[in-house]
Amino acid sequence: MIKSELITLLSEANPHLLHRDVERIVGTVFEEITAAMCRGDRVELRGFGAFSVKTRPARTGRNPRTGEAVAVEEKHVPYFKTGKDLREQLNDQHGS
């Protein structure tokens, strides 16, 4: 599912809301999650999962073409851990 499909589904499920308002709400939620992660905060959505930022330390990598050693800087990467409810729903759905 892509963002526009999510907005359309939510608009259809909530006909009392204007499509542009649903679009603004979804955009604001994503912006706030992004802003929190940029601050280094963890974002937990109970039953769904938690977004956090992990740090990958600097290391020495290799250029695949030349085999030459290359310094790779430390980087911050997003990490998502599923919640118990989501994990159980996925396993129940695929197990039966």
C-alpha atoms as a PDB file:
ATOM      1  CA  MET A   1       0.000   0.000   0.000  1.00  0.00           C
ATOM      2  CA  ILE A   2       1.221   3.469  -0.826  1.00  0.00           C
ATOM      3  CA  LYS A   3       0.432   6.754   0.915  1.00  0.00           C
ATOM      4  CA  SER A   4      -2.212   7.824  -1.631  1.00  0.00           C
ATOM      5  CA  GLU A   5      -4.017   4.465  -1.250  1.00  0.00           C
ATOM      6  CA  LEU A   6      -4.032   4.904   2.536  1.00  0.00           C
ATOM      7  CA  ILE A   7      -5.509   8.393   2.161  1.00  0.00           C
ATOM      8  CA  THR A   8      -8.192   7.100  -0.213  1.00  0.00           C
ATOM      9  CA  LEU A   9      -9.125   4.225   2.144  1.00  0.00           C
ATOM     10  CA  LEU A  10      -9.374   6.573   5.122  1.00  0.00           C
ATOM     11  CA  SER A  11     -11.433   9.075   3.099  1.00  0.00           C
ATOM     12  CA  GLU A  12     -13.866   6.341   2.049  1.00  0.00           C
ATOM     13  CA  ALA A  13     -14.130   5.023   5.620  1.00  0.00           C
ATOM     14  CA  ASN A  14     -14.783   8.570   6.924  1.00  0.00           C
ATOM     15  CA  PRO A  15     -17.117  10.269   4.441  1.00  0.00           C
ATOM     16  CA  HIS A  16     -17.727  13.131   6.903  1.00  0.00           C
ATOM     17  CA  LEU A  17     -14.083  14.235   6.362  1.00  0.00           C
ATOM     18  CA  LEU A  18     -12.896  16.003   3.242  1.00  0.00           C
ATOM     19  CA  HIS A  19     -10.264  14.194   1.185  1.00  0.00           C
ATOM     20  CA  ARG A  20      -7.831  17.110   1.592  1.00  0.00           C
ATOM     21  CA  ASP A  21      -8.293  17.015   5.381  1.00  0.00           C
ATOM     22  CA  VAL A  22      -7.491  13.286   5.487  1.00  0.00           C
ATOM     23  CA  GLU A  23      -4.445  14.005   3.302  1.00  0.00           C
ATOM     24  CA  ARG A  24      -3.318  16.694   5.761  1.00  0.00           C
ATOM     25  CA  ILE A  25      -3.856  14.398   8.761  1.00  0.00           C
ATOM     26  CA  VAL A  26      -1.858  11.523   7.245  1.00  0.00           C
ATOM     27  CA  GLY A  27       0.921  13.929   6.212  1.00  0.00           C
ATOM     28  CA  THR A  28       1.050  15.426   9.710  1.00  0.00           C
ATOM     29  CA  VAL A  29       1.281  11.984  11.352  1.00  0.00           C
ATOM     30  CA  PHE A  30       4.207  11.012   9.100  1.00  0.00           C
ATOM     31  CA  GLU A  31       5.914  14.389   9.664  1.00  0.00           C
ATOM     32  CA  GLU A  32       5.634  14.011  13.447  1.00  0.00           C
ATOM     33  CA  ILE A  33       7.017  10.464  13.388  1.00  0.00           C
ATOM     34  CA  THR A  34       9.910  11.684  11.222  1.00  0.00           C
ATOM     35  CA  ALA A  35      10.571  14.708  13.464  1.00  0.00           C
ATOM     36  CA  ALA A  36      10.598  12.541  16.597  1.00  0.00           C
ATOM     37  CA  MET A  37      13.043  10.097  15.031  1.00  0.00           C
ATOM     38  CA  CYS A  38      15.286  12.980  13.889  1.00  0.00           C
ATOM     39  CA  ARG A  39      15.406  14.107  17.536  1.00  0.00           C
ATOM     40  CA  GLY A  40      16.439  10.576  18.489  1.00  0.00           C
ATOM     41  CA  ASP A  41      13.093   9.767  20.109  1.00  0.00           C
ATOM     42  CA  ARG A  42      11.383   6.402  19.882  1.00  0.00           C
ATOM     43  CA  VAL A  43       7.821   6.361  18.501  1.00  0.00           C
ATOM     44  CA  GLU A  44       5.623   3.586  19.837  1.00  0.00           C
ATOM     45  CA  LEU A  45       2.197   2.764  18.420  1.00  0.00           C
ATOM     46  CA  ARG A  46       0.771   0.215  20.840  1.00  0.00           C
ATOM     47  CA  GLY A  47      -0.211  -3.041  19.186  1.00  0.00           C
ATOM     48  CA  PHE A  48       1.398  -1.986  15.893  1.00  0.00           C
ATOM     49  CA  GLY A  49       5.077  -1.435  16.585  1.00  0.00           C
ATOM     50  CA  ALA A  50       7.848   0.970  17.463  1.00  0.00           C
ATOM     51  CA  PHE A  51      10.030   3.152  15.274  1.00  0.00           C
ATOM     52  CA  SER A  52      13.511   4.006  16.491  1.00  0.00           C
ATOM     53  CA  VAL A  53      16.911   5.023  15.161  1.00  0.00           C
ATOM     54  CA  LYS A  54      19.937   2.758  15.310  1.00  0.00           C
ATOM     55  CA  THR A  55      23.498   3.911  14.782  1.00  0.00           C
ATOM     56  CA  ARG A  56      25.813   1.964  12.533  1.00  0.00           C
ATOM     57  CA  PRO A  57      29.415   2.650  13.533  1.00  0.00           C
ATOM     58  CA  ALA A  58      32.053   3.810  11.077  1.00  0.00           C
ATOM     59  CA  ARG A  59      33.846   0.948   9.357  1.00  0.00           C
ATOM     60  CA  THR A  60      36.179   0.094   6.534  1.00  0.00           C
ATOM     61  CA  GLY A  61      34.370  -1.184   3.457  1.00  0.00           C
ATOM     62  CA  ARG A  62      35.565  -2.331   0.043  1.00  0.00           C
ATOM     63  CA  ASN A  63      34.913  -0.873  -3.388  1.00  0.00           C
ATOM     64  CA  PRO A  64      33.377  -3.847  -5.243  1.00  0.00           C
ATOM     65  CA  ARG A  65      34.961  -2.840  -8.579  1.00  0.00           C
ATOM     66  CA  THR A  66      38.517  -2.243  -7.443  1.00  0.00           C
ATOM     67  CA  GLY A  67      38.683  -4.055  -4.116  1.00  0.00           C
ATOM     68  CA  GLU A  68      40.153  -0.870  -2.639  1.00  0.00           C
ATOM     69  CA  ALA A  69      39.481  -0.170   1.038  1.00  0.00           C
ATOM     70  CA  VAL A  70      37.026   2.688   1.570  1.00  0.00           C
ATOM     71  CA  ALA A  71      36.145   4.489   4.791  1.00  0.00           C
ATOM     72  CA  VAL A  72      32.401   4.296   5.483  1.00  0.00           C
ATOM     73  CA  GLU A  73      31.167   6.953   7.907  1.00  0.00           C
ATOM     74  CA  GLU A  74      28.918   6.326  10.884  1.00  0.00           C
ATOM     75  CA  LYS A  75      25.253   6.486   9.899  1.00  0.00           C
ATOM     76  CA  HIS A  76      21.858   6.537  11.522  1.00  0.00           C
ATOM     77  CA  VAL A  77      19.248   4.165  10.124  1.00  0.00           C
ATOM     78  CA  PRO A  78      15.531   3.820  10.886  1.00  0.00           C
ATOM     79  CA  TYR A  79      14.457   0.636  12.640  1.00  0.00           C
ATOM     80  CA  PHE A  80      10.956  -0.799  13.075  1.00  0.00           C
ATOM     81  CA  LYS A  81      10.051  -3.474  15.578  1.00  0.00           C
ATOM     82  CA  THR A  82       6.589  -5.003  15.244  1.00  0.00           C
ATOM     83  CA  GLY A  83       4.230  -4.994  18.182  1.00  0.00           C
ATOM     84  CA  LYS A  84       2.895  -8.176  19.728  1.00  0.00           C
ATOM     85  CA  ASP A  85      -0.642  -7.715  18.338  1.00  0.00           C
ATOM     86  CA  LEU A  86       0.592  -7.160  14.776  1.00  0.00           C
ATOM     87  CA  ARG A  87       2.971 -10.120  14.980  1.00  0.00           C
ATOM     88  CA  GLU A  88       0.171 -12.374  16.277  1.00  0.00           C
ATOM     89  CA  GLN A  89      -2.238 -11.231  13.534  1.00  0.00           C
ATOM     90  CA  LEU A  90       0.356 -11.906  10.859  1.00  0.00           C
ATOM     91  CA  ASN A  91       1.111 -15.367  12.213  1.00  0.00           C
ATOM     92  CA  ASP A  92      -2.571 -16.273  12.668  1.00  0.00           C
ATOM     93  CA  GLN A  93      -3.421 -15.113   9.148  1.00  0.00           C
ATOM     94  CA  HIS A  94      -0.576 -16.978   7.482  1.00  0.00           C
ATOM     95  CA  GLY A  95      -0.761 -20.023   9.730  1.00  0.00           C
ATOM     96  CA  SER A  96      -4.328 -20.982   8.853  1.00  0.00           C
END
